[in-house]
Amino acid sequence: MNAFNQHPGQVFRACELHELLDMPIDEASVNVTRSRLGRPTRQGFLTQPERGRYQKRT
């Protein structure tokens, strides 16, 4: 959530979040991040303007 707070209004893909946060960008790690982004999306903190893209709800 910190990355979304630092870049309000920006739309991110899971891979882009990994690059921004200097996390490993192997497929398994990115898939874990995708699944973890599901919870804040369901709770209404994030939106998905397009499939696979996440944005902080304003």
PDB file of N, CA and C in Angstrom:
ATOM      1  N   MET A   1       0.823  -1.198   0.000  1.00  0.00           N
ATOM      2  CA  MET A   1       0.000   0.000   0.000  1.00  0.00           C
ATOM      3  C   MET A   1       0.863   1.257   0.000  1.00  0.00           C
ATOM      4  N   ASN A   2       2.063   1.135   0.536  1.00  0.00           N
ATOM      5  CA  ASN A   2       2.937   2.287   0.595  1.00  0.00           C
ATOM      6  C   ASN A   2       3.249   2.833  -0.799  1.00  0.00           C
ATOM      7  N   ALA A   3       3.482   1.955  -1.749  1.00  0.00           N
ATOM      8  CA  ALA A   3       3.766   2.402  -3.120  1.00  0.00           C
ATOM      9  C   ALA A   3       2.572   3.147  -3.704  1.00  0.00           C
ATOM     10  N   PHE A   4       1.373   2.686  -3.406  1.00  0.00           N
ATOM     11  CA  PHE A   4       0.169   3.360  -3.907  1.00  0.00           C
ATOM     12  C   PHE A   4       0.007   4.729  -3.250  1.00  0.00           C
ATOM     13  N   ASN A   5       0.376   4.833  -1.961  1.00  0.00           N
ATOM     14  CA  ASN A   5       0.283   6.122  -1.270  1.00  0.00           C
ATOM     15  C   ASN A   5       1.311   7.116  -1.793  1.00  0.00           C
ATOM     16  N   GLN A   6       2.488   6.630  -2.153  1.00  0.00           N
ATOM     17  CA  GLN A   6       3.540   7.518  -2.657  1.00  0.00           C
ATOM     18  C   GLN A   6       3.279   7.983  -4.086  1.00  0.00           C
ATOM     19  N   HIS A   7       2.492   7.222  -4.828  1.00  0.00           N
ATOM     20  CA  HIS A   7       2.197   7.551  -6.228  1.00  0.00           C
ATOM     21  C   HIS A   7       0.678   7.555  -6.435  1.00  0.00           C
ATOM     22  N   PRO A   8      -0.015   8.534  -5.840  1.00  0.00           N
ATOM     23  CA  PRO A   8      -1.479   8.538  -5.949  1.00  0.00           C
ATOM     24  C   PRO A   8      -1.943   8.692  -7.395  1.00  0.00           C
ATOM     25  N   GLY A   9      -2.948   7.925  -7.720  1.00  0.00           N
ATOM     26  CA  GLY A   9      -3.534   8.002  -9.059  1.00  0.00           C
ATOM     27  C   GLY A   9      -2.827   7.168 -10.103  1.00  0.00           C
ATOM     28  N   GLN A  10      -1.667   6.626  -9.783  1.00  0.00           N
ATOM     29  CA  GLN A  10      -0.935   5.826 -10.764  1.00  0.00           C
ATOM     30  C   GLN A  10      -1.468   4.399 -10.776  1.00  0.00           C
ATOM     31  N   VAL A  11      -1.519   3.822 -11.957  1.00  0.00           N
ATOM     32  CA  VAL A  11      -1.967   2.442 -12.133  1.00  0.00           C
ATOM     33  C   VAL A  11      -0.726   1.564 -12.240  1.00  0.00           C
ATOM     34  N   PHE A  12      -0.699   0.479 -11.465  1.00  0.00           N
ATOM     35  CA  PHE A  12       0.453  -0.416 -11.439  1.00  0.00           C
ATOM     36  C   PHE A  12       0.066  -1.819 -11.856  1.00  0.00           C
ATOM     37  N   ARG A  13       1.005  -2.503 -12.480  1.00  0.00           N
ATOM     38  CA  ARG A  13       0.933  -3.947 -12.665  1.00  0.00           C
ATOM     39  C   ARG A  13       1.771  -4.544 -11.539  1.00  0.00           C
ATOM     40  N   ALA A  14       1.548  -5.799 -11.195  1.00  0.00           N
ATOM     41  CA  ALA A  14       2.289  -6.440 -10.113  1.00  0.00           C
ATOM     42  C   ALA A  14       3.788  -6.396 -10.389  1.00  0.00           C
ATOM     43  N   CYS A  15       4.186  -6.626 -11.607  1.00  0.00           N
ATOM     44  CA  CYS A  15       5.603  -6.610 -11.972  1.00  0.00           C
ATOM     45  C   CYS A  15       6.206  -5.215 -11.759  1.00  0.00           C
ATOM     46  N   GLU A  16       5.461  -4.185 -12.085  1.00  0.00           N
ATOM     47  CA  GLU A  16       5.935  -2.817 -11.896  1.00  0.00           C
ATOM     48  C   GLU A  16       6.119  -2.501 -10.412  1.00  0.00           C
ATOM     49  N   LEU A  17       5.243  -3.025  -9.576  1.00  0.00           N
ATOM     50  CA  LEU A  17       5.399  -2.830  -8.129  1.00  0.00           C
ATOM     51  C   LEU A  17       6.682  -3.476  -7.646  1.00  0.00           C
ATOM     52  N   HIS A  18       6.987  -4.647  -8.147  1.00  0.00           N
ATOM     53  CA  HIS A  18       8.230  -5.322  -7.762  1.00  0.00           C
ATOM     54  C   HIS A  18       9.444  -4.497  -8.161  1.00  0.00           C
ATOM     55  N   GLU A  19       9.436  -3.961  -9.350  1.00  0.00           N
ATOM     56  CA  GLU A  19      10.558  -3.134  -9.796  1.00  0.00           C
ATOM     57  C   GLU A  19      10.680  -1.879  -8.938  1.00  0.00           C
ATOM     58  N   LEU A  20       9.568  -1.239  -8.630  1.00  0.00           N
ATOM     59  CA  LEU A  20       9.563  -0.022  -7.834  1.00  0.00           C
ATOM     60  C   LEU A  20      10.094  -0.280  -6.430  1.00  0.00           C
ATOM     61  N   LEU A  21       9.762  -1.429  -5.863  1.00  0.00           N
ATOM     62  CA  LEU A  21      10.148  -1.761  -4.492  1.00  0.00           C
ATOM     63  C   LEU A  21      11.439  -2.586  -4.420  1.00  0.00           C
ATOM     64  N   ASP A  22      12.134  -2.720  -5.534  1.00  0.00           N
ATOM     65  CA  ASP A  22      13.377  -3.504  -5.608  1.00  0.00           C
ATOM     66  C   ASP A  22      13.198  -4.921  -5.074  1.00  0.00           C
ATOM     67  N   MET A  23      12.101  -5.541  -5.466  1.00  0.00           N
ATOM     68  CA  MET A  23      11.824  -6.918  -5.087  1.00  0.00           C
ATOM     69  C   MET A  23      12.179  -7.815  -6.268  1.00  0.00           C
ATOM     70  N   PRO A  24      12.404  -9.102  -6.010  1.00  0.00           N
ATOM     71  CA  PRO A  24      12.708 -10.003  -7.138  1.00  0.00           C
ATOM     72  C   PRO A  24      11.531 -10.049  -8.111  1.00  0.00           C
ATOM     73  N   ILE A  25      11.840 -10.127  -9.404  1.00  0.00           N
ATOM     74  CA  ILE A  25      10.776 -10.093 -10.408  1.00  0.00           C
ATOM     75  C   ILE A  25      10.580 -11.447 -11.074  1.00  0.00           C
ATOM     76  N   ASP A  26      10.948 -12.522 -10.356  1.00  0.00           N
ATOM     77  CA  ASP A  26      10.688 -13.844 -10.926  1.00  0.00           C
ATOM     78  C   ASP A  26       9.185 -14.113 -10.896  1.00  0.00           C
ATOM     79  N   GLU A  27       8.749 -14.989 -11.754  1.00  0.00           N
ATOM     80  CA  GLU A  27       7.315 -15.233 -11.951  1.00  0.00           C
ATOM     81  C   GLU A  27       6.600 -15.656 -10.672  1.00  0.00           C
ATOM     82  N   ALA A  28       7.228 -16.501  -9.864  1.00  0.00           N
ATOM     83  CA  ALA A  28       6.589 -16.973  -8.637  1.00  0.00           C
ATOM     84  C   ALA A  28       6.353 -15.825  -7.655  1.00  0.00           C
ATOM     85  N   SER A  29       7.320 -14.937  -7.503  1.00  0.00           N
ATOM     86  CA  SER A  29       7.171 -13.803  -6.585  1.00  0.00           C
ATOM     87  C   SER A  29       6.082 -12.842  -7.053  1.00  0.00           C
ATOM     88  N   VAL A  30       6.046 -12.597  -8.338  1.00  0.00           N
ATOM     89  CA  VAL A  30       5.031 -11.687  -8.886  1.00  0.00           C
ATOM     90  C   VAL A  30       3.636 -12.295  -8.726  1.00  0.00           C
ATOM     91  N   ASN A  31       3.512 -13.610  -8.897  1.00  0.00           N
ATOM     92  CA  ASN A  31       2.217 -14.265  -8.703  1.00  0.00           C
ATOM     93  C   ASN A  31       1.740 -14.155  -7.263  1.00  0.00           C
ATOM     94  N   VAL A  32       2.644 -14.245  -6.309  1.00  0.00           N
ATOM     95  CA  VAL A  32       2.276 -14.069  -4.902  1.00  0.00           C
ATOM     96  C   VAL A  32       1.750 -12.651  -4.686  1.00  0.00           C
ATOM     97  N   THR A  33       2.418 -11.677  -5.266  1.00  0.00           N
ATOM     98  CA  THR A  33       1.966 -10.288  -5.130  1.00  0.00           C
ATOM     99  C   THR A  33       0.588 -10.108  -5.754  1.00  0.00           C
ATOM    100  N   ARG A  34       0.350 -10.706  -6.902  1.00  0.00           N
ATOM    101  CA  ARG A  34      -0.976 -10.612  -7.534  1.00  0.00           C
ATOM    102  C   ARG A  34      -2.054 -11.144  -6.594  1.00  0.00           C
ATOM    103  N   SER A  35      -1.789 -12.269  -5.974  1.00  0.00           N
ATOM    104  CA  SER A  35      -2.791 -12.844  -5.079  1.00  0.00           C
ATOM    105  C   SER A  35      -2.974 -11.970  -3.841  1.00  0.00           C
ATOM    106  N   ARG A  36      -1.903 -11.364  -3.366  1.00  0.00           N
ATOM    107  CA  ARG A  36      -2.011 -10.484  -2.189  1.00  0.00           C
ATOM    108  C   ARG A  36      -2.725  -9.175  -2.508  1.00  0.00           C
ATOM    109  N   LEU A  37      -2.688  -8.736  -3.748  1.00  0.00           N
ATOM    110  CA  LEU A  37      -3.405  -7.525  -4.129  1.00  0.00           C
ATOM    111  C   LEU A  37      -4.914  -7.765  -4.198  1.00  0.00           C
ATOM    112  N   GLY A  38      -5.315  -9.016  -4.234  1.00  0.00           N
ATOM    113  CA  GLY A  38      -6.741  -9.336  -4.288  1.00  0.00           C
ATOM    114  C   GLY A  38      -7.500  -8.895  -3.052  1.00  0.00           C
ATOM    115  N   ARG A  39      -6.910  -9.071  -1.880  1.00  0.00           N
ATOM    116  CA  ARG A  39      -7.603  -8.709  -0.639  1.00  0.00           C
ATOM    117  C   ARG A  39      -7.893  -7.209  -0.555  1.00  0.00           C
ATOM    118  N   PRO A  40      -6.893  -6.317  -0.719  1.00  0.00           N
ATOM    119  CA  PRO A  40      -7.236  -4.891  -0.657  1.00  0.00           C
ATOM    120  C   PRO A  40      -8.177  -4.458  -1.782  1.00  0.00           C
ATOM    121  N   THR A  41      -8.170  -5.194  -2.892  1.00  0.00           N
ATOM    122  CA  THR A  41      -9.107  -4.886  -3.967  1.00  0.00           C
ATOM    123  C   THR A  41     -10.524  -5.250  -3.532  1.00  0.00           C
ATOM    124  N   ARG A  42     -10.688  -6.430  -2.947  1.00  0.00           N
ATOM    125  CA  ARG A  42     -12.025  -6.842  -2.466  1.00  0.00           C
ATOM    126  C   ARG A  42     -12.511  -5.956  -1.331  1.00  0.00           C
ATOM    127  N   GLN A  43     -11.592  -5.453  -0.510  1.00  0.00           N
ATOM    128  CA  GLN A  43     -11.964  -4.603   0.615  1.00  0.00           C
ATOM    129  C   GLN A  43     -12.236  -3.159   0.193  1.00  0.00           C
ATOM    130  N   GLY A  44     -11.941  -2.824  -1.059  1.00  0.00           N
ATOM    131  CA  GLY A  44     -12.259  -1.503  -1.571  1.00  0.00           C
ATOM    132  C   GLY A  44     -11.141  -0.483  -1.467  1.00  0.00           C
ATOM    133  N   PHE A  45      -9.945  -0.887  -1.032  1.00  0.00           N
ATOM    134  CA  PHE A  45      -8.830   0.044  -0.962  1.00  0.00           C
ATOM    135  C   PHE A  45      -8.207   0.273  -2.333  1.00  0.00           C
ATOM    136  N   LEU A  46      -8.252  -0.750  -3.182  1.00  0.00           N
ATOM    137  CA  LEU A  46      -7.717  -0.662  -4.535  1.00  0.00           C
ATOM    138  C   LEU A  46      -8.821  -0.933  -5.537  1.00  0.00           C
ATOM    139  N   THR A  47      -8.639  -0.450  -6.746  1.00  0.00           N
ATOM    140  CA  THR A  47      -9.545  -0.770  -7.841  1.00  0.00           C
ATOM    141  C   THR A  47      -8.730  -1.434  -8.941  1.00  0.00           C
ATOM    142  N   GLN A  48      -9.421  -2.070  -9.854  1.00  0.00           N
ATOM    143  CA  GLN A  48      -8.786  -2.659 -11.032  1.00  0.00           C
ATOM    144  C   GLN A  48      -9.388  -2.008 -12.266  1.00  0.00           C
ATOM    145  N   PRO A  49      -8.774  -0.901 -12.739  1.00  0.00           N
ATOM    146  CA  PRO A  49      -9.317  -0.232 -13.922  1.00  0.00           C
ATOM    147  C   PRO A  49      -9.254  -1.118 -15.166  1.00  0.00           C
ATOM    148  N   GLU A  50      -8.286  -2.031 -15.203  1.00  0.00           N
ATOM    149  CA  GLU A  50      -8.153  -3.004 -16.278  1.00  0.00           C
ATOM    150  C   GLU A  50      -7.677  -4.297 -15.650  1.00  0.00           C
ATOM    151  N   ARG A  51      -7.831  -5.371 -16.363  1.00  0.00           N
ATOM    152  CA  ARG A  51      -7.377  -6.656 -15.854  1.00  0.00           C
ATOM    153  C   ARG A  51      -5.863  -6.627 -15.607  1.00  0.00           C
ATOM    154  N   GLY A  52      -5.451  -7.017 -14.407  1.00  0.00           N
ATOM    155  CA  GLY A  52      -4.035  -7.071 -14.071  1.00  0.00           C
ATOM    156  C   GLY A  52      -3.421  -5.747 -13.668  1.00  0.00           C
ATOM    157  N   ARG A  53      -4.212  -4.710 -13.569  1.00  0.00           N
ATOM    158  CA  ARG A  53      -3.711  -3.391 -13.185  1.00  0.00           C
ATOM    159  C   ARG A  53      -4.457  -2.947 -11.922  1.00  0.00           C
ATOM    160  N   TYR A  54      -3.701  -2.305 -11.037  1.00  0.00           N
ATOM    161  CA  TYR A  54      -4.250  -1.936  -9.735  1.00  0.00           C
ATOM    162  C   TYR A  54      -3.982  -0.456  -9.476  1.00  0.00           C
ATOM    163  N   GLN A  55      -4.955   0.182  -8.819  1.00  0.00           N
ATOM    164  CA  GLN A  55      -4.870   1.596  -8.536  1.00  0.00           C
ATOM    165  C   GLN A  55      -5.527   1.843  -7.185  1.00  0.00           C
ATOM    166  N   LYS A  56      -4.982   2.790  -6.433  1.00  0.00           N
ATOM    167  CA  LYS A  56      -5.582   3.139  -5.152  1.00  0.00           C
ATOM    168  C   LYS A  56      -6.895   3.872  -5.399  1.00  0.00           C
ATOM    169  N   ARG A  57      -7.919   3.461  -4.650  1.00  0.00           N
ATOM    170  CA  ARG A  57      -9.230   4.107  -4.783  1.00  0.00           C
ATOM    171  C   ARG A  57      -9.139   5.533  -4.231  1.00  0.00           C
ATOM    172  N   THR A  58      -9.700   6.463  -4.952  1.00  0.00           N
ATOM    173  CA  THR A  58      -9.664   7.872  -4.516  1.00  0.00           C
ATOM    174  C   THR A  58     -10.944   8.268  -3.850  1.00  0.00           C
TER     175      THR A  58
END
